[in-house]
């Protein structure tokens, strides 16, 4: 082995040691300071979906809305495996309206389970379900399974949100 081969091996080792140390510090050390997924969704989030006869009417939709107003919308079409995904942000006024009208007392009242006797999905129509996370607790508002008050400001805001997603192009 020549002197030049020895220098090449030494330089390669030193560069490998420096690169390895850098990747360790940036990849593993800072991992403990990151925000977990659970923390991200504890303050305010809404997951909504339609179910029932919407499959035969062109596809059911679902969405996830986060506290910052960002959303992900999934629309399943009649074609098997053909899904349309949209991402973006809702308007600031709609986000503020949801935050103002979806309060813990209202959500507790309207998320009480009821005996399903008159579901739209039973009559070949569409039902809607909203899972609202507020201050670390989940509340289910469902047109078939819970005591939704359709004239309430909370339900009006959720309907406005659903209409917003339905009109997206």
N, C-alpha and C. Protein backbone atom coordinates (compact mmCIF):
# COMPACT_ATOMS: atom_id res chain seq x y z
N UNK A 1 0.85 -1.16 0.00
CA UNK A 1 0.00 0.00 0.00
C UNK A 1 0.91 1.24 0.00
N UNK A 2 0.58 2.13 -0.89
CA UNK A 2 1.39 3.34 -1.03
C UNK A 2 0.91 4.42 -0.06
N UNK A 3 1.72 5.43 0.05
CA UNK A 3 1.39 6.54 0.94
C UNK A 3 0.11 7.22 0.47
N UNK A 4 -0.11 7.33 -0.82
CA UNK A 4 -1.30 7.96 -1.38
C UNK A 4 -2.54 7.13 -1.05
N UNK A 5 -2.47 5.81 -1.08
CA UNK A 5 -3.60 4.95 -0.72
C UNK A 5 -3.97 5.14 0.76
N UNK A 6 -2.96 5.24 1.60
CA UNK A 6 -3.19 5.46 3.03
C UNK A 6 -3.88 6.78 3.30
N UNK A 7 -3.46 7.83 2.60
CA UNK A 7 -4.08 9.15 2.75
C UNK A 7 -5.53 9.11 2.27
N UNK A 8 -5.81 8.41 1.19
CA UNK A 8 -7.17 8.29 0.67
C UNK A 8 -8.07 7.59 1.69
N UNK A 9 -7.57 6.51 2.29
CA UNK A 9 -8.35 5.80 3.31
C UNK A 9 -8.59 6.68 4.53
N UNK A 10 -7.59 7.42 4.97
CA UNK A 10 -7.73 8.29 6.14
C UNK A 10 -8.73 9.41 5.87
N UNK A 11 -8.65 10.04 4.71
CA UNK A 11 -9.58 11.11 4.35
C UNK A 11 -11.01 10.56 4.25
N UNK A 12 -11.17 9.39 3.65
CA UNK A 12 -12.49 8.76 3.54
C UNK A 12 -13.07 8.47 4.92
N UNK A 13 -12.22 7.97 5.83
CA UNK A 13 -12.67 7.68 7.19
C UNK A 13 -13.11 8.94 7.92
N UNK A 14 -12.33 10.01 7.81
CA UNK A 14 -12.65 11.27 8.49
C UNK A 14 -13.94 11.86 7.94
N UNK A 15 -14.10 11.86 6.62
CA UNK A 15 -15.33 12.39 6.02
C UNK A 15 -16.53 11.55 6.44
N UNK A 16 -16.38 10.25 6.47
CA UNK A 16 -17.45 9.36 6.93
C UNK A 16 -17.82 9.62 8.38
N UNK A 17 -16.81 9.86 9.21
CA UNK A 17 -17.05 10.14 10.62
C UNK A 17 -17.80 11.47 10.79
N UNK A 18 -17.41 12.49 10.06
CA UNK A 18 -18.07 13.80 10.14
C UNK A 18 -19.50 13.70 9.61
N UNK A 19 -19.70 13.05 8.47
CA UNK A 19 -21.04 12.91 7.89
C UNK A 19 -21.93 12.09 8.82
N UNK A 20 -21.41 11.02 9.37
CA UNK A 20 -22.19 10.20 10.30
C UNK A 20 -22.59 10.98 11.54
N UNK A 21 -21.68 11.77 12.08
CA UNK A 21 -22.00 12.60 13.24
C UNK A 21 -23.07 13.63 12.92
N UNK A 22 -22.97 14.24 11.74
CA UNK A 22 -23.96 15.22 11.32
C UNK A 22 -25.34 14.58 11.20
N UNK A 23 -25.43 13.42 10.53
CA UNK A 23 -26.71 12.74 10.38
C UNK A 23 -27.27 12.28 11.71
N UNK A 24 -26.42 11.89 12.62
CA UNK A 24 -26.88 11.48 13.95
C UNK A 24 -27.51 12.67 14.68
N UNK A 25 -26.82 13.79 14.68
CA UNK A 25 -27.31 14.97 15.40
C UNK A 25 -28.59 15.49 14.78
N UNK A 26 -28.65 15.62 13.47
CA UNK A 26 -29.84 16.18 12.84
C UNK A 26 -30.98 15.18 12.73
N UNK A 27 -30.69 13.92 12.62
CA UNK A 27 -31.74 12.92 12.43
C UNK A 27 -32.29 12.32 13.69
N UNK A 28 -31.48 12.14 14.70
CA UNK A 28 -31.92 11.45 15.90
C UNK A 28 -32.09 12.38 17.09
N UNK A 29 -31.20 13.31 17.24
CA UNK A 29 -31.22 14.19 18.41
C UNK A 29 -32.45 15.08 18.41
N UNK A 30 -32.80 15.68 17.26
CA UNK A 30 -33.92 16.60 17.21
C UNK A 30 -35.26 15.89 17.14
N UNK A 31 -35.24 14.60 16.94
CA UNK A 31 -36.49 13.84 16.88
C UNK A 31 -37.27 13.97 18.18
N UNK A 32 -36.62 14.09 19.30
CA UNK A 32 -37.30 14.20 20.58
C UNK A 32 -37.98 15.54 20.77
N UNK A 33 -37.62 16.56 19.98
CA UNK A 33 -38.22 17.87 20.12
C UNK A 33 -39.41 18.06 19.18
N UNK A 34 -39.69 17.11 18.33
CA UNK A 34 -40.77 17.25 17.36
C UNK A 34 -42.14 17.15 18.01
N UNK A 35 -43.15 17.61 17.29
CA UNK A 35 -44.53 17.54 17.77
C UNK A 35 -45.11 16.22 17.29
N UNK A 36 -45.75 15.53 18.18
CA UNK A 36 -46.36 14.26 17.79
C UNK A 36 -47.65 14.52 17.03
N UNK A 37 -48.08 13.54 16.28
CA UNK A 37 -49.30 13.66 15.50
C UNK A 37 -50.49 13.90 16.42
N UNK A 38 -50.54 13.23 17.55
CA UNK A 38 -51.65 13.38 18.48
C UNK A 38 -51.79 14.83 18.94
N UNK A 39 -50.68 15.50 19.25
CA UNK A 39 -50.73 16.88 19.70
C UNK A 39 -51.29 17.81 18.63
N UNK A 40 -51.06 17.49 17.39
CA UNK A 40 -51.48 18.34 16.29
C UNK A 40 -53.00 18.42 16.19
N UNK A 41 -53.70 17.34 16.53
CA UNK A 41 -55.14 17.28 16.32
C UNK A 41 -55.96 17.42 17.59
N UNK A 42 -55.34 17.69 18.73
CA UNK A 42 -56.09 17.75 19.98
C UNK A 42 -56.89 19.04 20.16
N UNK A 43 -56.42 20.15 19.65
CA UNK A 43 -57.10 21.42 19.89
C UNK A 43 -58.41 21.53 19.12
N UNK A 44 -58.34 21.37 17.81
CA UNK A 44 -59.55 21.50 16.99
C UNK A 44 -59.33 20.78 15.66
N UNK A 45 -60.22 19.88 15.34
CA UNK A 45 -60.20 19.20 14.05
C UNK A 45 -61.59 18.67 13.76
N UNK A 46 -61.93 18.58 12.50
CA UNK A 46 -63.21 18.02 12.09
C UNK A 46 -62.95 17.00 10.99
N UNK A 47 -63.53 15.82 11.14
CA UNK A 47 -63.51 14.81 10.10
C UNK A 47 -64.96 14.55 9.73
N UNK A 48 -65.31 14.75 8.48
CA UNK A 48 -66.68 14.57 8.03
C UNK A 48 -66.76 13.57 6.91
N UNK A 49 -67.89 12.88 6.83
CA UNK A 49 -68.10 11.94 5.74
C UNK A 49 -69.58 11.79 5.44
N UNK A 50 -69.87 11.48 4.21
CA UNK A 50 -71.23 11.16 3.80
C UNK A 50 -71.31 9.66 3.59
N UNK A 51 -72.49 9.11 3.84
CA UNK A 51 -72.67 7.68 3.64
C UNK A 51 -74.13 7.39 3.30
N UNK A 52 -74.35 6.25 2.75
CA UNK A 52 -75.70 5.87 2.34
C UNK A 52 -75.77 5.73 0.84
N UNK A 53 -76.76 6.35 0.24
CA UNK A 53 -77.01 6.21 -1.18
C UNK A 53 -76.09 7.06 -2.05
N UNK A 54 -75.17 7.78 -1.47
CA UNK A 54 -74.29 8.62 -2.27
C UNK A 54 -73.38 7.79 -3.19
N UNK A 55 -73.16 6.53 -2.84
CA UNK A 55 -72.35 5.67 -3.71
C UNK A 55 -72.98 5.52 -5.08
N UNK A 56 -74.29 5.44 -5.14
CA UNK A 56 -74.95 5.27 -6.43
C UNK A 56 -75.23 6.62 -7.10
N UNK A 57 -75.07 7.70 -6.37
CA UNK A 57 -75.34 9.03 -6.93
C UNK A 57 -74.08 9.73 -7.42
N UNK A 58 -72.97 9.06 -7.46
CA UNK A 58 -71.75 9.69 -7.95
C UNK A 58 -70.61 9.66 -6.97
N UNK A 59 -70.81 9.10 -5.83
CA UNK A 59 -69.71 8.94 -4.89
C UNK A 59 -69.90 9.69 -3.59
N UNK A 60 -69.45 9.06 -2.53
CA UNK A 60 -69.47 9.68 -1.20
C UNK A 60 -68.18 10.47 -1.01
N UNK A 61 -68.25 11.47 -0.14
CA UNK A 61 -67.10 12.32 0.13
C UNK A 61 -66.72 12.24 1.59
N UNK A 62 -65.47 12.56 1.86
CA UNK A 62 -65.00 12.71 3.24
C UNK A 62 -63.93 13.78 3.25
N UNK A 63 -63.74 14.39 4.42
CA UNK A 63 -62.73 15.44 4.54
C UNK A 63 -62.15 15.44 5.94
N UNK A 64 -61.01 16.09 6.05
CA UNK A 64 -60.38 16.36 7.34
C UNK A 64 -60.02 17.84 7.34
N UNK A 65 -60.45 18.54 8.39
CA UNK A 65 -60.18 19.97 8.54
C UNK A 65 -59.40 20.17 9.84
N UNK A 66 -58.29 20.88 9.77
CA UNK A 66 -57.47 21.15 10.95
C UNK A 66 -57.70 22.56 11.47
N UNK A 67 -57.19 22.84 12.65
CA UNK A 67 -57.42 24.13 13.32
C UNK A 67 -56.94 25.32 12.51
N UNK A 68 -55.90 25.14 11.71
CA UNK A 68 -55.38 26.26 10.93
C UNK A 68 -56.18 26.52 9.66
N UNK A 69 -57.24 25.75 9.44
CA UNK A 69 -58.09 25.94 8.26
C UNK A 69 -57.69 25.10 7.07
N UNK A 70 -56.62 24.33 7.19
CA UNK A 70 -56.20 23.48 6.08
C UNK A 70 -57.08 22.23 6.04
N UNK A 71 -57.35 21.77 4.83
CA UNK A 71 -58.21 20.61 4.68
C UNK A 71 -57.66 19.65 3.64
N UNK A 72 -58.17 18.44 3.72
CA UNK A 72 -57.91 17.41 2.72
C UNK A 72 -59.26 16.78 2.43
N UNK A 73 -59.69 16.85 1.18
CA UNK A 73 -61.00 16.36 0.74
C UNK A 73 -60.80 15.15 -0.15
N UNK A 74 -61.55 14.10 0.11
CA UNK A 74 -61.49 12.88 -0.68
C UNK A 74 -62.88 12.61 -1.22
N UNK A 75 -62.98 12.52 -2.54
CA UNK A 75 -64.26 12.22 -3.18
C UNK A 75 -64.11 10.93 -3.97
N UNK A 76 -64.85 9.92 -3.59
CA UNK A 76 -64.84 8.64 -4.30
C UNK A 76 -65.87 8.70 -5.41
N UNK A 77 -65.46 8.41 -6.62
CA UNK A 77 -66.40 8.40 -7.73
C UNK A 77 -66.94 6.99 -7.93
N UNK A 78 -67.85 6.86 -8.86
CA UNK A 78 -68.45 5.55 -9.13
C UNK A 78 -67.43 4.58 -9.72
N UNK A 79 -66.44 5.08 -10.41
CA UNK A 79 -65.42 4.21 -10.98
C UNK A 79 -64.57 3.64 -9.86
N UNK A 80 -64.43 2.34 -9.84
CA UNK A 80 -63.68 1.68 -8.78
C UNK A 80 -62.23 2.15 -8.82
N UNK A 81 -61.73 2.57 -7.67
CA UNK A 81 -60.34 3.00 -7.56
C UNK A 81 -60.09 4.42 -8.04
N UNK A 82 -61.12 5.11 -8.48
CA UNK A 82 -60.94 6.48 -8.97
C UNK A 82 -61.32 7.44 -7.86
N UNK A 83 -60.34 8.02 -7.21
CA UNK A 83 -60.56 8.95 -6.11
C UNK A 83 -60.00 10.31 -6.47
N UNK A 84 -60.69 11.33 -6.05
CA UNK A 84 -60.25 12.69 -6.29
C UNK A 84 -59.87 13.31 -4.95
N UNK A 85 -58.64 13.74 -4.82
CA UNK A 85 -58.16 14.32 -3.57
C UNK A 85 -57.86 15.80 -3.82
N UNK A 86 -58.38 16.64 -2.93
CA UNK A 86 -58.10 18.08 -3.01
C UNK A 86 -57.59 18.53 -1.65
N UNK A 87 -56.67 19.46 -1.67
CA UNK A 87 -56.13 20.04 -0.45
C UNK A 87 -56.15 21.55 -0.58
N UNK A 88 -56.27 22.22 0.53
CA UNK A 88 -56.28 23.68 0.52
C UNK A 88 -56.64 24.23 1.87
N UNK A 89 -57.17 25.44 1.87
CA UNK A 89 -57.59 26.11 3.11
C UNK A 89 -58.99 26.67 2.92
N UNK A 90 -59.81 26.57 3.97
CA UNK A 90 -61.13 27.18 3.92
C UNK A 90 -60.97 28.67 4.18
N UNK A 91 -62.05 29.40 3.96
CA UNK A 91 -61.98 30.84 4.18
C UNK A 91 -61.84 31.14 5.67
N UNK A 92 -61.23 32.25 5.95
CA UNK A 92 -61.01 32.65 7.35
C UNK A 92 -62.34 32.85 8.06
N UNK A 93 -63.32 33.44 7.38
CA UNK A 93 -64.63 33.69 8.02
C UNK A 93 -65.34 32.38 8.37
N UNK A 94 -65.24 31.38 7.50
CA UNK A 94 -65.87 30.09 7.80
C UNK A 94 -65.16 29.40 8.96
N UNK A 95 -63.84 29.50 8.99
CA UNK A 95 -63.09 28.91 10.10
C UNK A 95 -63.47 29.55 11.43
N UNK A 96 -63.56 30.87 11.45
CA UNK A 96 -63.95 31.59 12.68
C UNK A 96 -65.38 31.24 13.09
N UNK A 97 -66.27 31.11 12.12
CA UNK A 97 -67.66 30.74 12.42
C UNK A 97 -67.73 29.36 13.07
N UNK A 98 -66.96 28.41 12.55
CA UNK A 98 -66.92 27.07 13.13
C UNK A 98 -66.38 27.11 14.56
N UNK A 99 -65.31 27.84 14.77
CA UNK A 99 -64.73 27.95 16.11
C UNK A 99 -65.70 28.61 17.09
N UNK A 100 -66.48 29.57 16.62
CA UNK A 100 -67.42 30.28 17.47
C UNK A 100 -68.64 29.42 17.81
N UNK A 101 -69.13 28.65 16.84
CA UNK A 101 -70.38 27.92 17.03
C UNK A 101 -70.22 26.49 17.55
N UNK A 102 -69.05 25.90 17.37
CA UNK A 102 -68.83 24.54 17.86
C UNK A 102 -68.19 24.61 19.24
N UNK A 103 -69.02 24.73 20.25
CA UNK A 103 -68.56 24.81 21.63
C UNK A 103 -68.80 23.48 22.33
N UNK A 104 -68.13 23.29 23.44
CA UNK A 104 -68.25 22.01 24.16
C UNK A 104 -69.69 21.73 24.60
N UNK A 105 -70.42 22.70 25.20
CA UNK A 105 -71.80 22.38 25.59
C UNK A 105 -72.69 21.98 24.40
N UNK A 106 -72.53 22.68 23.29
CA UNK A 106 -73.33 22.37 22.10
C UNK A 106 -72.96 20.98 21.57
N UNK A 107 -71.67 20.69 21.50
CA UNK A 107 -71.23 19.39 21.00
C UNK A 107 -71.67 18.26 21.91
N UNK A 108 -71.61 18.48 23.22
CA UNK A 108 -72.06 17.44 24.15
C UNK A 108 -73.54 17.16 23.97
N UNK A 109 -74.33 18.21 23.81
CA UNK A 109 -75.78 18.04 23.64
C UNK A 109 -76.12 17.30 22.35
N UNK A 110 -75.47 17.69 21.25
CA UNK A 110 -75.84 17.12 19.96
C UNK A 110 -75.14 15.80 19.64
N UNK A 111 -74.18 15.40 20.48
CA UNK A 111 -73.51 14.13 20.23
C UNK A 111 -74.11 12.99 21.05
N UNK A 112 -75.19 13.27 21.78
CA UNK A 112 -75.86 12.20 22.52
C UNK A 112 -76.46 11.20 21.54
N UNK A 113 -76.23 9.94 21.82
CA UNK A 113 -76.73 8.88 20.95
C UNK A 113 -78.25 8.79 21.03
N UNK A 114 -78.86 8.53 19.89
CA UNK A 114 -80.31 8.31 19.81
C UNK A 114 -80.55 7.00 19.09
N UNK A 115 -81.71 6.47 19.31
CA UNK A 115 -82.10 5.25 18.61
C UNK A 115 -82.47 5.62 17.19
N UNK A 116 -81.74 5.07 16.24
CA UNK A 116 -81.96 5.40 14.83
C UNK A 116 -83.30 4.86 14.37
N UNK A 117 -84.22 5.77 14.07
CA UNK A 117 -85.53 5.34 13.60
C UNK A 117 -85.89 5.93 12.25
N UNK A 118 -85.24 7.02 11.90
CA UNK A 118 -85.60 7.70 10.66
C UNK A 118 -84.35 8.16 9.94
N UNK A 119 -83.49 7.24 9.57
CA UNK A 119 -82.24 7.60 8.89
C UNK A 119 -82.49 7.80 7.41
N UNK A 120 -81.89 8.83 6.87
CA UNK A 120 -82.01 9.10 5.44
C UNK A 120 -81.39 7.97 4.62
N UNK A 121 -80.31 7.39 5.14
CA UNK A 121 -79.65 6.31 4.39
C UNK A 121 -80.51 5.06 4.31
N UNK A 122 -81.45 4.89 5.24
CA UNK A 122 -82.39 3.76 5.16
C UNK A 122 -83.40 3.96 4.04
N UNK A 123 -83.66 5.21 3.70
CA UNK A 123 -84.64 5.54 2.66
C UNK A 123 -83.94 5.88 1.35
N UNK A 124 -82.79 5.27 1.09
CA UNK A 124 -82.03 5.47 -0.14
C UNK A 124 -81.61 6.92 -0.34
N UNK A 125 -81.24 7.57 0.75
CA UNK A 125 -80.73 8.94 0.69
C UNK A 125 -79.35 8.97 1.35
N UNK A 126 -78.89 10.14 1.72
CA UNK A 126 -77.54 10.31 2.25
C UNK A 126 -77.58 10.82 3.69
N UNK A 127 -76.76 10.23 4.55
CA UNK A 127 -76.56 10.71 5.91
C UNK A 127 -75.16 11.30 6.01
N UNK A 128 -74.97 12.15 7.03
CA UNK A 128 -73.69 12.82 7.21
C UNK A 128 -73.20 12.61 8.64
N UNK A 129 -71.89 12.46 8.77
CA UNK A 129 -71.26 12.24 10.06
C UNK A 129 -70.09 13.20 10.20
N UNK A 130 -70.01 13.86 11.36
CA UNK A 130 -68.92 14.77 11.67
C UNK A 130 -68.31 14.36 13.00
N UNK A 131 -67.03 14.07 13.00
CA UNK A 131 -66.30 13.79 14.23
C UNK A 131 -65.49 15.04 14.55
N UNK A 132 -65.90 15.76 15.59
CA UNK A 132 -65.26 17.02 15.96
C UNK A 132 -64.37 16.77 17.18
N UNK A 133 -63.11 17.13 17.05
CA UNK A 133 -62.17 17.06 18.17
C UNK A 133 -61.98 18.48 18.69
N UNK A 134 -62.28 18.66 19.97
CA UNK A 134 -62.16 19.97 20.59
C UNK A 134 -61.56 19.80 21.98
N UNK A 135 -60.46 20.47 22.23
CA UNK A 135 -59.76 20.41 23.52
C UNK A 135 -59.48 18.97 23.96
N UNK A 136 -59.05 18.15 23.02
CA UNK A 136 -58.64 16.79 23.33
C UNK A 136 -59.75 15.78 23.45
N UNK A 137 -60.99 16.16 23.21
CA UNK A 137 -62.12 15.23 23.31
C UNK A 137 -62.84 15.16 21.98
N UNK A 138 -63.29 13.95 21.63
CA UNK A 138 -64.00 13.72 20.36
C UNK A 138 -65.50 13.75 20.58
N UNK A 139 -66.21 14.38 19.63
CA UNK A 139 -67.67 14.45 19.66
C UNK A 139 -68.16 14.00 18.28
N UNK A 140 -69.10 13.08 18.25
CA UNK A 140 -69.67 12.59 17.00
C UNK A 140 -71.03 13.21 16.80
N UNK A 141 -71.21 13.91 15.69
CA UNK A 141 -72.51 14.41 15.29
C UNK A 141 -72.88 13.69 14.01
N UNK A 142 -73.96 12.94 14.05
CA UNK A 142 -74.36 12.09 12.93
C UNK A 142 -75.85 12.27 12.70
N UNK A 143 -76.25 12.45 11.46
CA UNK A 143 -77.66 12.69 11.14
C UNK A 143 -78.52 11.48 11.43
N UNK A 144 -77.92 10.33 11.63
CA UNK A 144 -78.68 9.12 11.89
C UNK A 144 -78.54 8.64 13.33
N UNK A 145 -77.41 8.86 13.96
CA UNK A 145 -77.12 8.21 15.23
C UNK A 145 -77.09 9.13 16.45
N UNK A 146 -77.11 10.45 16.26
CA UNK A 146 -77.02 11.35 17.40
C UNK A 146 -78.13 12.40 17.35
N UNK A 147 -78.29 13.13 18.45
CA UNK A 147 -79.37 14.10 18.61
C UNK A 147 -79.02 15.44 17.99
N UNK A 148 -78.86 15.46 16.69
CA UNK A 148 -78.52 16.69 15.97
C UNK A 148 -79.71 17.64 15.97
N UNK A 149 -79.45 18.90 16.26
CA UNK A 149 -80.48 19.95 16.19
C UNK A 149 -80.21 20.73 14.91
N UNK A 150 -81.01 20.48 13.91
CA UNK A 150 -80.75 21.02 12.58
C UNK A 150 -80.86 22.54 12.51
N UNK A 151 -81.59 23.17 13.42
CA UNK A 151 -81.76 24.62 13.42
C UNK A 151 -80.66 25.33 14.20
N UNK A 152 -79.77 24.60 14.84
CA UNK A 152 -78.72 25.22 15.67
C UNK A 152 -77.65 25.88 14.80
N UNK A 153 -76.96 26.84 15.41
CA UNK A 153 -75.87 27.52 14.71
C UNK A 153 -74.73 26.54 14.40
N UNK A 154 -74.52 25.58 15.30
CA UNK A 154 -73.45 24.60 15.09
C UNK A 154 -73.73 23.78 13.84
N UNK A 155 -74.94 23.27 13.73
CA UNK A 155 -75.26 22.44 12.57
C UNK A 155 -75.30 23.27 11.29
N UNK A 156 -75.77 24.49 11.37
CA UNK A 156 -75.77 25.38 10.21
C UNK A 156 -74.34 25.62 9.72
N UNK A 157 -73.41 25.79 10.66
CA UNK A 157 -72.00 26.00 10.30
C UNK A 157 -71.41 24.74 9.65
N UNK A 158 -71.74 23.57 10.19
CA UNK A 158 -71.24 22.33 9.60
C UNK A 158 -71.83 22.11 8.21
N UNK A 159 -73.11 22.46 8.04
CA UNK A 159 -73.73 22.35 6.71
C UNK A 159 -73.07 23.31 5.72
N UNK A 160 -72.75 24.50 6.19
CA UNK A 160 -72.06 25.49 5.34
C UNK A 160 -70.68 24.96 4.93
N UNK A 161 -70.00 24.32 5.89
CA UNK A 161 -68.70 23.72 5.59
C UNK A 161 -68.84 22.63 4.54
N UNK A 162 -69.83 21.77 4.71
CA UNK A 162 -70.05 20.69 3.74
C UNK A 162 -70.36 21.28 2.36
N UNK A 163 -71.20 22.30 2.30
CA UNK A 163 -71.54 22.94 1.02
C UNK A 163 -70.30 23.57 0.38
N UNK A 164 -69.41 24.12 1.21
CA UNK A 164 -68.16 24.68 0.71
C UNK A 164 -67.37 23.62 -0.04
N UNK A 165 -67.26 22.43 0.57
CA UNK A 165 -66.52 21.35 -0.07
C UNK A 165 -67.23 20.84 -1.32
N UNK A 166 -68.54 20.82 -1.32
CA UNK A 166 -69.29 20.34 -2.47
C UNK A 166 -69.15 21.28 -3.68
N UNK A 167 -68.88 22.56 -3.44
CA UNK A 167 -68.78 23.50 -4.54
C UNK A 167 -67.35 23.70 -5.04
N UNK A 168 -66.38 23.03 -4.41
CA UNK A 168 -65.00 23.14 -4.88
C UNK A 168 -64.87 22.50 -6.25
N UNK A 169 -64.08 23.13 -7.09
CA UNK A 169 -63.84 22.55 -8.42
C UNK A 169 -62.45 22.00 -8.51
